[in-house]
All heavy atoms as atom14 arrays in JSON, in Angstrom:
{
  "sequence": "YEHINYIGGHASMAQFDDMYDRTITVNGVSKAFAMTGWRIGYIGAPE",
  "atom14_mask": [
    [1, 1, 1, 1, 1, 1, 1, 1, 1, 1, 1, 1, 0, 0],
    [1, 1, 1, 1, 1, 1, 1, 1, 1, 0, 0, 0, 0, 0],
    [1, 1, 1, 1, 1, 1, 1, 1, 1, 1, 0, 0, 0, 0],
    [1, 1, 1, 1, 1, 1, 1, 1, 0, 0, 0, 0, 0, 0],
    [1, 1, 1, 1, 1, 1, 1, 1, 0, 0, 0, 0, 0, 0],
    [1, 1, 1, 1, 1, 1, 1, 1, 1, 1, 1, 1, 0, 0],
    [1, 1, 1, 1, 1, 1, 1, 1, 0, 0, 0, 0, 0, 0],
    [1, 1, 1, 1, 0, 0, 0, 0, 0, 0, 0, 0, 0, 0],
    [1, 1, 1, 1, 0, 0, 0, 0, 0, 0, 0, 0, 0, 0],
    [1, 1, 1, 1, 1, 1, 1, 1, 1, 1, 0, 0, 0, 0],
    [1, 1, 1, 1, 1, 0, 0, 0, 0, 0, 0, 0, 0, 0],
    [1, 1, 1, 1, 1, 1, 0, 0, 0, 0, 0, 0, 0, 0],
    [1, 1, 1, 1, 1, 1, 1, 1, 0, 0, 0, 0, 0, 0],
    [1, 1, 1, 1, 1, 0, 0, 0, 0, 0, 0, 0, 0, 0],
    [1, 1, 1, 1, 1, 1, 1, 1, 1, 0, 0, 0, 0, 0],
    [1, 1, 1, 1, 1, 1, 1, 1, 1, 1, 1, 0, 0, 0],
    [1, 1, 1, 1, 1, 1, 1, 1, 0, 0, 0, 0, 0, 0],
    [1, 1, 1, 1, 1, 1, 1, 1, 0, 0, 0, 0, 0, 0],
    [1, 1, 1, 1, 1, 1, 1, 1, 0, 0, 0, 0, 0, 0],
    [1, 1, 1, 1, 1, 1, 1, 1, 1, 1, 1, 1, 0, 0],
    [1, 1, 1, 1, 1, 1, 1, 1, 0, 0, 0, 0, 0, 0],
    [1, 1, 1, 1, 1, 1, 1, 1, 1, 1, 1, 0, 0, 0],
    [1, 1, 1, 1, 1, 1, 1, 0, 0, 0, 0, 0, 0, 0],
    [1, 1, 1, 1, 1, 1, 1, 1, 0, 0, 0, 0, 0, 0],
    [1, 1, 1, 1, 1, 1, 1, 0, 0, 0, 0, 0, 0, 0],
    [1, 1, 1, 1, 1, 1, 1, 0, 0, 0, 0, 0, 0, 0],
    [1, 1, 1, 1, 1, 1, 1, 1, 0, 0, 0, 0, 0, 0],
    [1, 1, 1, 1, 0, 0, 0, 0, 0, 0, 0, 0, 0, 0],
    [1, 1, 1, 1, 1, 1, 1, 0, 0, 0, 0, 0, 0, 0],
    [1, 1, 1, 1, 1, 1, 0, 0, 0, 0, 0, 0, 0, 0],
    [1, 1, 1, 1, 1, 1, 1, 1, 1, 0, 0, 0, 0, 0],
    [1, 1, 1, 1, 1, 0, 0, 0, 0, 0, 0, 0, 0, 0],
    [1, 1, 1, 1, 1, 1, 1, 1, 1, 1, 1, 0, 0, 0],
    [1, 1, 1, 1, 1, 0, 0, 0, 0, 0, 0, 0, 0, 0],
    [1, 1, 1, 1, 1, 1, 1, 1, 0, 0, 0, 0, 0, 0],
    [1, 1, 1, 1, 1, 1, 1, 0, 0, 0, 0, 0, 0, 0],
    [1, 1, 1, 1, 0, 0, 0, 0, 0, 0, 0, 0, 0, 0],
    [1, 1, 1, 1, 1, 1, 1, 1, 1, 1, 1, 1, 1, 1],
    [1, 1, 1, 1, 1, 1, 1, 1, 1, 1, 1, 0, 0, 0],
    [1, 1, 1, 1, 1, 1, 1, 1, 0, 0, 0, 0, 0, 0],
    [1, 1, 1, 1, 0, 0, 0, 0, 0, 0, 0, 0, 0, 0],
    [1, 1, 1, 1, 1, 1, 1, 1, 1, 1, 1, 1, 0, 0],
    [1, 1, 1, 1, 1, 1, 1, 1, 0, 0, 0, 0, 0, 0],
    [1, 1, 1, 1, 0, 0, 0, 0, 0, 0, 0, 0, 0, 0],
    [1, 1, 1, 1, 1, 0, 0, 0, 0, 0, 0, 0, 0, 0],
    [1, 1, 1, 1, 1, 1, 1, 0, 0, 0, 0, 0, 0, 0],
    [1, 1, 1, 1, 1, 1, 1, 1, 1, 0, 0, 0, 0, 0]
  ],
  "atom14_positions": [
    [[-40.9, 187.9, 239.12], [-42.08, 188.51, 238.65], [-41.87, 189.96, 238.15], [-42.81, 190.71, 237.96], [-43.06, 188.59, 239.8], [-43.64, 187.2, 240.23], [-42.98, 186.51, 241.18], [-44.76, 186.64, 239.52], [-43.51, 185.14, 241.55], [-45.26, 185.46, 239.91], [-44.59, 184.66, 240.87], [-45.02, 183.44, 241.22], [0.0, 0.0, 0.0], [0.0, 0.0, 0.0]],
    [[-40.65, 190.24, 237.84], [-40.2, 191.63, 237.51], [-41.17, 192.24, 236.44], [-41.55, 193.45, 236.68], [-38.78, 191.54, 236.95], [-38.35, 192.73, 236.04], [-37.07, 192.44, 235.29], [-36.71, 191.25, 235.08], [-36.49, 193.46, 234.91], [0.0, 0.0, 0.0], [0.0, 0.0, 0.0], [0.0, 0.0, 0.0], [0.0, 0.0, 0.0], [0.0, 0.0, 0.0]],
    [[-41.52, 191.65, 235.38], [-42.31, 192.26, 234.29], [-43.71, 192.31, 234.67], [-44.48, 193.09, 233.96], [-42.06, 191.52, 233.02], [-40.61, 191.7, 232.52], [-40.06, 192.91, 232.29], [-39.7, 190.75, 232.17], [-38.82, 192.71, 231.82], [-38.59, 191.39, 231.73], [0.0, 0.0, 0.0], [0.0, 0.0, 0.0], [0.0, 0.0, 0.0], [0.0, 0.0, 0.0]],
    [[-44.28, 191.55, 235.62], [-45.63, 191.61, 235.99], [-45.82, 192.66, 237.09], [-45.87, 192.35, 238.3], [-46.13, 190.18, 236.42], [-45.84, 189.13, 235.35], [-47.62, 190.24, 236.67], [-46.12, 187.75, 235.76], [0.0, 0.0, 0.0], [0.0, 0.0, 0.0], [0.0, 0.0, 0.0], [0.0, 0.0, 0.0], [0.0, 0.0, 0.0], [0.0, 0.0, 0.0]],
    [[-45.77, 193.87, 236.66], [-45.66, 195.03, 237.56], [-46.63, 196.07, 236.95], [-46.53, 196.48, 235.78], [-44.17, 195.58, 237.52], [-43.95, 196.77, 238.36], [-44.81, 197.58, 238.56], [-42.73, 196.89, 238.83], [0.0, 0.0, 0.0], [0.0, 0.0, 0.0], [0.0, 0.0, 0.0], [0.0, 0.0, 0.0], [0.0, 0.0, 0.0], [0.0, 0.0, 0.0]],
    [[-47.55, 196.52, 237.82], [-48.64, 197.4, 237.28], [-48.34, 198.89, 237.59], [-49.11, 199.72, 237.24], [-49.99, 196.99, 238.01], [-50.23, 195.49, 237.87], [-50.45, 194.76, 239.02], [-50.19, 194.86, 236.69], [-50.64, 193.39, 239.02], [-50.43, 193.47, 236.61], [-50.62, 192.8, 237.77], [-50.79, 191.38, 237.67], [0.0, 0.0, 0.0], [0.0, 0.0, 0.0]],
    [[-47.25, 199.19, 238.18], [-46.88, 200.56, 238.5], [-45.7, 201.05, 237.7], [-45.29, 202.18, 237.75], [-46.79, 200.84, 239.96], [-45.65, 199.87, 240.58], [-48.01, 200.64, 240.74], [-45.34, 200.19, 242.0], [0.0, 0.0, 0.0], [0.0, 0.0, 0.0], [0.0, 0.0, 0.0], [0.0, 0.0, 0.0], [0.0, 0.0, 0.0], [0.0, 0.0, 0.0]],
    [[-44.96, 200.1, 237.08], [-43.73, 200.48, 236.32], [-42.59, 200.76, 237.26], [-42.69, 200.82, 238.43], [0.0, 0.0, 0.0], [0.0, 0.0, 0.0], [0.0, 0.0, 0.0], [0.0, 0.0, 0.0], [0.0, 0.0, 0.0], [0.0, 0.0, 0.0], [0.0, 0.0, 0.0], [0.0, 0.0, 0.0], [0.0, 0.0, 0.0], [0.0, 0.0, 0.0]],
    [[-41.35, 200.87, 236.58], [-40.25, 201.25, 237.36], [-39.78, 200.19, 238.24], [-39.44, 200.47, 239.47], [0.0, 0.0, 0.0], [0.0, 0.0, 0.0], [0.0, 0.0, 0.0], [0.0, 0.0, 0.0], [0.0, 0.0, 0.0], [0.0, 0.0, 0.0], [0.0, 0.0, 0.0], [0.0, 0.0, 0.0], [0.0, 0.0, 0.0], [0.0, 0.0, 0.0]],
    [[-39.56, 198.94, 237.83], [-39.01, 197.92, 238.61], [-37.62, 198.24, 239.17], [-36.81, 198.81, 238.39], [-38.96, 196.61, 237.92], [-38.19, 195.5, 238.6], [-38.79, 194.74, 239.55], [-36.88, 195.09, 238.51], [-37.92, 193.91, 240.1], [-36.74, 194.13, 239.48], [0.0, 0.0, 0.0], [0.0, 0.0, 0.0], [0.0, 0.0, 0.0], [0.0, 0.0, 0.0]],
    [[-37.38, 198.09, 240.44], [-36.14, 198.41, 241.07], [-35.41, 197.15, 241.54], [-36.0, 196.25, 242.06], [-36.36, 199.4, 242.21], [0.0, 0.0, 0.0], [0.0, 0.0, 0.0], [0.0, 0.0, 0.0], [0.0, 0.0, 0.0], [0.0, 0.0, 0.0], [0.0, 0.0, 0.0], [0.0, 0.0, 0.0], [0.0, 0.0, 0.0], [0.0, 0.0, 0.0]],
    [[-34.07, 197.14, 241.31], [-33.21, 196.06, 241.8], [-32.29, 196.47, 242.82], [-31.7, 197.55, 242.74], [-32.46, 195.47, 240.56], [-33.19, 195.0, 239.56], [0.0, 0.0, 0.0], [0.0, 0.0, 0.0], [0.0, 0.0, 0.0], [0.0, 0.0, 0.0], [0.0, 0.0, 0.0], [0.0, 0.0, 0.0], [0.0, 0.0, 0.0], [0.0, 0.0, 0.0]],
    [[-32.08, 195.64, 243.85], [-31.16, 196.03, 244.9], [-29.72, 196.27, 244.41], [-28.97, 197.12, 244.89], [-31.11, 194.96, 246.0], [-30.26, 195.21, 247.19], [-30.67, 196.71, 248.16], [-31.88, 195.99, 249.29], [0.0, 0.0, 0.0], [0.0, 0.0, 0.0], [0.0, 0.0, 0.0], [0.0, 0.0, 0.0], [0.0, 0.0, 0.0], [0.0, 0.0, 0.0]],
    [[-29.39, 195.45, 243.41], [-27.98, 195.51, 242.86], [-27.66, 196.81, 242.17], [-26.53, 197.06, 241.74], [-27.74, 194.33, 241.98], [0.0, 0.0, 0.0], [0.0, 0.0, 0.0], [0.0, 0.0, 0.0], [0.0, 0.0, 0.0], [0.0, 0.0, 0.0], [0.0, 0.0, 0.0], [0.0, 0.0, 0.0], [0.0, 0.0, 0.0], [0.0, 0.0, 0.0]],
    [[-28.72, 197.7, 241.86], [-28.44, 198.91, 241.16], [-27.68, 199.9, 241.99], [-26.99, 200.85, 241.46], [-29.82, 199.57, 240.87], [-30.55, 200.15, 242.03], [-31.91, 200.64, 241.7], [-32.12, 201.6, 240.86], [-32.97, 200.07, 242.21], [0.0, 0.0, 0.0], [0.0, 0.0, 0.0], [0.0, 0.0, 0.0], [0.0, 0.0, 0.0], [0.0, 0.0, 0.0]],
    [[-27.65, 199.71, 243.37], [-26.84, 200.58, 244.19], [-25.39, 200.12, 244.25], [-25.11, 198.96, 244.51], [-27.42, 200.61, 245.62], [-28.84, 200.91, 245.66], [-29.79, 200.02, 246.12], [-29.32, 202.16, 245.19], [-31.17, 200.38, 246.2], [-30.63, 202.47, 245.18], [-31.55, 201.63, 245.72], [0.0, 0.0, 0.0], [0.0, 0.0, 0.0], [0.0, 0.0, 0.0]],
    [[-24.43, 201.06, 243.94], [-23.06, 200.68, 243.88], [-22.56, 200.02, 245.2], [-21.76, 199.13, 245.1], [-22.21, 201.96, 243.62], [-22.43, 202.49, 242.22], [-22.92, 201.73, 241.35], [-22.01, 203.68, 241.99], [0.0, 0.0, 0.0], [0.0, 0.0, 0.0], [0.0, 0.0, 0.0], [0.0, 0.0, 0.0], [0.0, 0.0, 0.0], [0.0, 0.0, 0.0]],
    [[-23.02, 200.47, 246.32], [-22.58, 199.88, 247.65], [-23.28, 198.52, 247.96], [-22.98, 198.02, 248.97], [-22.79, 200.89, 248.79], [-24.24, 201.46, 248.84], [-25.1, 201.01, 248.14], [-24.42, 202.45, 249.68], [0.0, 0.0, 0.0], [0.0, 0.0, 0.0], [0.0, 0.0, 0.0], [0.0, 0.0, 0.0], [0.0, 0.0, 0.0], [0.0, 0.0, 0.0]],
    [[-24.19, 198.06, 247.12], [-24.83, 196.81, 247.3], [-24.49, 195.76, 246.16], [-24.81, 194.64, 246.32], [-26.32, 196.95, 247.47], [-26.79, 197.59, 248.8], [-26.14, 196.82, 250.26], [-26.85, 195.17, 250.06], [0.0, 0.0, 0.0], [0.0, 0.0, 0.0], [0.0, 0.0, 0.0], [0.0, 0.0, 0.0], [0.0, 0.0, 0.0], [0.0, 0.0, 0.0]],
    [[-23.92, 196.29, 245.16], [-23.78, 195.42, 243.88], [-22.95, 194.16, 244.22], [-23.28, 193.06, 243.81], [-23.11, 196.23, 242.83], [-22.68, 195.54, 241.58], [-23.66, 195.22, 240.59], [-21.5, 194.92, 241.4], [-23.4, 194.56, 239.4], [-21.14, 194.24, 240.24], [-22.05, 194.05, 239.31], [-21.79, 193.32, 238.13], [0.0, 0.0, 0.0], [0.0, 0.0, 0.0]],
    [[-21.85, 194.33, 244.99], [-20.97, 193.18, 245.21], [-21.52, 192.28, 246.32], [-20.84, 191.35, 246.71], [-19.57, 193.73, 245.65], [-18.83, 194.29, 244.5], [-19.05, 193.81, 243.31], [-18.02, 195.2, 244.68], [0.0, 0.0, 0.0], [0.0, 0.0, 0.0], [0.0, 0.0, 0.0], [0.0, 0.0, 0.0], [0.0, 0.0, 0.0], [0.0, 0.0, 0.0]],
    [[-22.67, 192.58, 246.87], [-23.29, 191.79, 247.98], [-24.67, 191.32, 247.6], [-25.37, 190.74, 248.47], [-23.36, 192.62, 249.22], [-21.94, 193.04, 249.74], [-22.1, 194.12, 250.79], [-23.05, 193.76, 251.84], [-23.52, 194.61, 252.76], [-23.19, 195.87, 252.73], [-24.37, 194.23, 253.68], [0.0, 0.0, 0.0], [0.0, 0.0, 0.0], [0.0, 0.0, 0.0]],
    [[-25.06, 191.49, 246.34], [-26.44, 191.12, 245.9], [-26.34, 190.02, 244.79], [-25.6, 190.18, 243.9], [-27.18, 192.32, 245.4], [-27.28, 193.34, 246.4], [-28.55, 191.92, 244.91], [0.0, 0.0, 0.0], [0.0, 0.0, 0.0], [0.0, 0.0, 0.0], [0.0, 0.0, 0.0], [0.0, 0.0, 0.0], [0.0, 0.0, 0.0], [0.0, 0.0, 0.0]],
    [[-27.19, 188.96, 245.01], [-27.35, 187.95, 244.0], [-28.75, 188.16, 243.47], [-29.75, 188.06, 244.13], [-27.19, 186.52, 244.57], [-25.84, 186.34, 245.26], [-27.45, 185.52, 243.42], [-25.94, 186.38, 246.75], [0.0, 0.0, 0.0], [0.0, 0.0, 0.0], [0.0, 0.0, 0.0], [0.0, 0.0, 0.0], [0.0, 0.0, 0.0], [0.0, 0.0, 0.0]],
    [[-28.79, 188.56, 242.22], [-30.09, 188.77, 241.47], [-30.53, 187.49, 240.8], [-29.85, 186.89, 239.98], [-29.96, 189.91, 240.45], [-29.41, 191.05, 241.09], [-31.26, 190.29, 239.86], [0.0, 0.0, 0.0], [0.0, 0.0, 0.0], [0.0, 0.0, 0.0], [0.0, 0.0, 0.0], [0.0, 0.0, 0.0], [0.0, 0.0, 0.0], [0.0, 0.0, 0.0]],
    [[-31.68, 187.09, 241.27], [-32.3, 185.8, 240.72], [-33.47, 186.09, 239.77], [-34.28, 186.99, 240.09], [-32.75, 184.85, 241.86], [-33.43, 183.61, 241.3], [-31.61, 184.6, 242.8], [0.0, 0.0, 0.0], [0.0, 0.0, 0.0], [0.0, 0.0, 0.0], [0.0, 0.0, 0.0], [0.0, 0.0, 0.0], [0.0, 0.0, 0.0], [0.0, 0.0, 0.0]],
    [[-33.51, 185.53, 238.62], [-34.54, 185.79, 237.69], [-34.83, 184.51, 236.86], [-34.16, 183.42, 237.04], [-34.28, 186.96, 236.8], [-35.52, 187.76, 236.39], [-36.6, 187.19, 236.14], [-35.36, 189.09, 236.37], [0.0, 0.0, 0.0], [0.0, 0.0, 0.0], [0.0, 0.0, 0.0], [0.0, 0.0, 0.0], [0.0, 0.0, 0.0], [0.0, 0.0, 0.0]],
    [[-35.71, 184.55, 235.91], [-36.0, 183.48, 235.06], [-37.15, 183.82, 234.05], [-37.6, 184.93, 234.05], [0.0, 0.0, 0.0], [0.0, 0.0, 0.0], [0.0, 0.0, 0.0], [0.0, 0.0, 0.0], [0.0, 0.0, 0.0], [0.0, 0.0, 0.0], [0.0, 0.0, 0.0], [0.0, 0.0, 0.0], [0.0, 0.0, 0.0], [0.0, 0.0, 0.0]],
    [[-37.61, 182.81, 233.38], [-38.57, 183.08, 232.29], [-39.98, 182.45, 232.62], [-40.87, 182.65, 231.83], [-38.05, 182.6, 230.97], [-36.83, 183.31, 230.52], [-37.83, 181.05, 230.91], [0.0, 0.0, 0.0], [0.0, 0.0, 0.0], [0.0, 0.0, 0.0], [0.0, 0.0, 0.0], [0.0, 0.0, 0.0], [0.0, 0.0, 0.0], [0.0, 0.0, 0.0]],
    [[-40.19, 181.81, 233.77], [-41.34, 181.03, 234.0], [-42.59, 181.93, 233.95], [-43.64, 181.55, 233.39], [-41.32, 180.36, 235.3], [-40.37, 179.31, 235.28], [0.0, 0.0, 0.0], [0.0, 0.0, 0.0], [0.0, 0.0, 0.0], [0.0, 0.0, 0.0], [0.0, 0.0, 0.0], [0.0, 0.0, 0.0], [0.0, 0.0, 0.0], [0.0, 0.0, 0.0]],
    [[-42.49, 183.09, 234.61], [-43.72, 183.84, 234.91], [-44.11, 184.78, 233.75], [-45.18, 184.7, 233.13], [-43.59, 184.62, 236.22], [-43.12, 183.77, 237.4], [-44.12, 182.62, 237.76], [-43.5, 181.86, 238.9], [-44.41, 180.69, 239.29], [0.0, 0.0, 0.0], [0.0, 0.0, 0.0], [0.0, 0.0, 0.0], [0.0, 0.0, 0.0], [0.0, 0.0, 0.0]],
    [[-43.24, 185.74, 233.41], [-43.57, 186.72, 232.4], [-43.73, 186.19, 230.99], [-44.54, 186.62, 230.2], [-42.53, 187.79, 232.4], [0.0, 0.0, 0.0], [0.0, 0.0, 0.0], [0.0, 0.0, 0.0], [0.0, 0.0, 0.0], [0.0, 0.0, 0.0], [0.0, 0.0, 0.0], [0.0, 0.0, 0.0], [0.0, 0.0, 0.0], [0.0, 0.0, 0.0]],
    [[-43.05, 185.07, 230.71], [-43.11, 184.5, 229.32], [-43.93, 183.2, 229.4], [-44.05, 182.49, 228.26], [-41.66, 184.1, 228.87], [-40.8, 185.35, 228.7], [-39.95, 185.75, 229.65], [-40.87, 186.0, 227.45], [-39.1, 186.89, 229.41], [-40.08, 187.2, 227.22], [-39.24, 187.58, 228.25], [0.0, 0.0, 0.0], [0.0, 0.0, 0.0], [0.0, 0.0, 0.0]],
    [[-44.62, 182.95, 230.45], [-45.48, 181.76, 230.48], [-44.74, 180.43, 230.08], [-45.11, 179.67, 229.21], [-46.74, 181.87, 229.57], [0.0, 0.0, 0.0], [0.0, 0.0, 0.0], [0.0, 0.0, 0.0], [0.0, 0.0, 0.0], [0.0, 0.0, 0.0], [0.0, 0.0, 0.0], [0.0, 0.0, 0.0], [0.0, 0.0, 0.0], [0.0, 0.0, 0.0]],
    [[-43.57, 180.24, 230.8], [-42.69, 179.13, 230.4], [-42.35, 178.32, 231.66], [-41.24, 177.86, 231.84], [-41.41, 179.67, 229.78], [-41.62, 180.4, 228.41], [-40.04, 181.11, 227.75], [-39.29, 179.55, 227.28], [0.0, 0.0, 0.0], [0.0, 0.0, 0.0], [0.0, 0.0, 0.0], [0.0, 0.0, 0.0], [0.0, 0.0, 0.0], [0.0, 0.0, 0.0]],
    [[-43.34, 178.06, 232.51], [-43.08, 177.41, 233.84], [-42.41, 176.02, 233.54], [-41.49, 175.59, 234.29], [-44.37, 177.28, 234.62], [-45.41, 176.67, 233.78], [-44.85, 178.63, 235.11], [0.0, 0.0, 0.0], [0.0, 0.0, 0.0], [0.0, 0.0, 0.0], [0.0, 0.0, 0.0], [0.0, 0.0, 0.0], [0.0, 0.0, 0.0], [0.0, 0.0, 0.0]],
    [[-42.89, 175.29, 232.57], [-42.41, 173.93, 232.4], [-41.08, 173.83, 231.7], [-40.51, 172.77, 231.56], [0.0, 0.0, 0.0], [0.0, 0.0, 0.0], [0.0, 0.0, 0.0], [0.0, 0.0, 0.0], [0.0, 0.0, 0.0], [0.0, 0.0, 0.0], [0.0, 0.0, 0.0], [0.0, 0.0, 0.0], [0.0, 0.0, 0.0], [0.0, 0.0, 0.0]],
    [[-40.62, 174.98, 231.15], [-39.39, 174.96, 230.37], [-38.19, 174.93, 231.35], [-37.08, 174.57, 230.95], [-39.31, 176.17, 229.52], [-40.37, 176.25, 228.49], [-41.69, 176.41, 228.62], [-40.15, 176.17, 227.02], [-42.36, 176.45, 227.42], [-41.4, 176.29, 226.4], [-39.03, 176.0, 226.23], [-41.54, 176.27, 225.02], [-39.2, 175.99, 224.83], [-40.45, 176.15, 224.3]],
    [[-38.37, 175.33, 232.56], [-37.42, 175.23, 233.65], [-36.08, 175.91, 233.34], [-34.97, 175.26, 233.32], [-37.13, 173.76, 234.03], [-38.4, 172.94, 234.31], [-39.34, 173.58, 235.26], [-38.73, 173.88, 236.58], [-38.9, 175.11, 237.15], [-39.63, 176.05, 236.59], [-38.36, 175.25, 238.31], [0.0, 0.0, 0.0], [0.0, 0.0, 0.0], [0.0, 0.0, 0.0]],
    [[-36.14, 177.25, 233.14], [-34.86, 178.02, 233.04], [-34.88, 179.19, 233.94], [-35.79, 180.03, 233.93], [-34.7, 178.57, 231.55], [-34.52, 177.34, 230.56], [-33.46, 179.44, 231.49], [-33.25, 176.53, 230.69], [0.0, 0.0, 0.0], [0.0, 0.0, 0.0], [0.0, 0.0, 0.0], [0.0, 0.0, 0.0], [0.0, 0.0, 0.0], [0.0, 0.0, 0.0]],
    [[-33.95, 179.24, 234.81], [-33.73, 180.4, 235.69], [-32.29, 180.82, 235.61], [-31.42, 180.09, 235.0], [0.0, 0.0, 0.0], [0.0, 0.0, 0.0], [0.0, 0.0, 0.0], [0.0, 0.0, 0.0], [0.0, 0.0, 0.0], [0.0, 0.0, 0.0], [0.0, 0.0, 0.0], [0.0, 0.0, 0.0], [0.0, 0.0, 0.0], [0.0, 0.0, 0.0]],
    [[-31.89, 181.94, 236.2], [-30.52, 182.46, 236.11], [-30.19, 183.42, 237.16], [-31.14, 183.94, 237.79], [-30.26, 183.0, 234.71], [-31.16, 184.12, 234.34], [-30.91, 185.45, 234.68], [-32.29, 183.96, 233.51], [-31.77, 186.45, 234.38], [-33.15, 184.92, 233.15], [-32.9, 186.21, 233.57], [-33.74, 187.21, 233.25], [0.0, 0.0, 0.0], [0.0, 0.0, 0.0]],
    [[-28.9, 183.57, 237.41], [-28.46, 184.58, 238.4], [-27.45, 185.49, 237.81], [-26.72, 185.09, 236.94], [-27.85, 183.92, 239.67], [-26.59, 183.16, 239.36], [-28.89, 183.09, 240.44], [-25.84, 182.65, 240.62], [0.0, 0.0, 0.0], [0.0, 0.0, 0.0], [0.0, 0.0, 0.0], [0.0, 0.0, 0.0], [0.0, 0.0, 0.0], [0.0, 0.0, 0.0]],
    [[-27.38, 186.69, 238.3], [-26.28, 187.62, 238.14], [-25.68, 187.85, 239.6], [-26.44, 188.19, 240.46], [0.0, 0.0, 0.0], [0.0, 0.0, 0.0], [0.0, 0.0, 0.0], [0.0, 0.0, 0.0], [0.0, 0.0, 0.0], [0.0, 0.0, 0.0], [0.0, 0.0, 0.0], [0.0, 0.0, 0.0], [0.0, 0.0, 0.0], [0.0, 0.0, 0.0]],
    [[-24.46, 187.61, 239.75], [-23.87, 187.52, 241.08], [-22.39, 187.96, 241.14], [-21.71, 187.92, 240.06], [-24.0, 186.15, 241.66], [0.0, 0.0, 0.0], [0.0, 0.0, 0.0], [0.0, 0.0, 0.0], [0.0, 0.0, 0.0], [0.0, 0.0, 0.0], [0.0, 0.0, 0.0], [0.0, 0.0, 0.0], [0.0, 0.0, 0.0], [0.0, 0.0, 0.0]],
    [[-21.86, 188.27, 242.28], [-20.38, 188.4, 242.4], [-19.74, 187.23, 241.8], [-20.22, 186.09, 242.05], [-20.2, 188.6, 243.92], [-21.48, 189.19, 244.4], [-22.6, 188.54, 243.54], [0.0, 0.0, 0.0], [0.0, 0.0, 0.0], [0.0, 0.0, 0.0], [0.0, 0.0, 0.0], [0.0, 0.0, 0.0], [0.0, 0.0, 0.0], [0.0, 0.0, 0.0]],
    [[-18.61, 187.41, 241.15], [-18.03, 186.3, 240.35], [-17.67, 185.1, 241.24], [-17.94, 183.95, 240.89], [-16.78, 186.76, 239.61], [-16.15, 185.68, 238.79], [-14.99, 186.24, 237.85], [-14.99, 187.47, 237.61], [-14.17, 185.43, 237.47], [0.0, 0.0, 0.0], [0.0, 0.0, 0.0], [0.0, 0.0, 0.0], [0.0, 0.0, 0.0], [0.0, 0.0, 0.0]]
  ]
}
């Protein structure tokens, strides 16, 4: 729901250097782009 934010300044846990290698960031296009039925999600994660 990152982009559906009414106060601005979305923050991600992985932005902190000491948490980057321990955070799996999950996102997708269902909500902000109104694409629920298209079924595309993705992760950024430690390799």
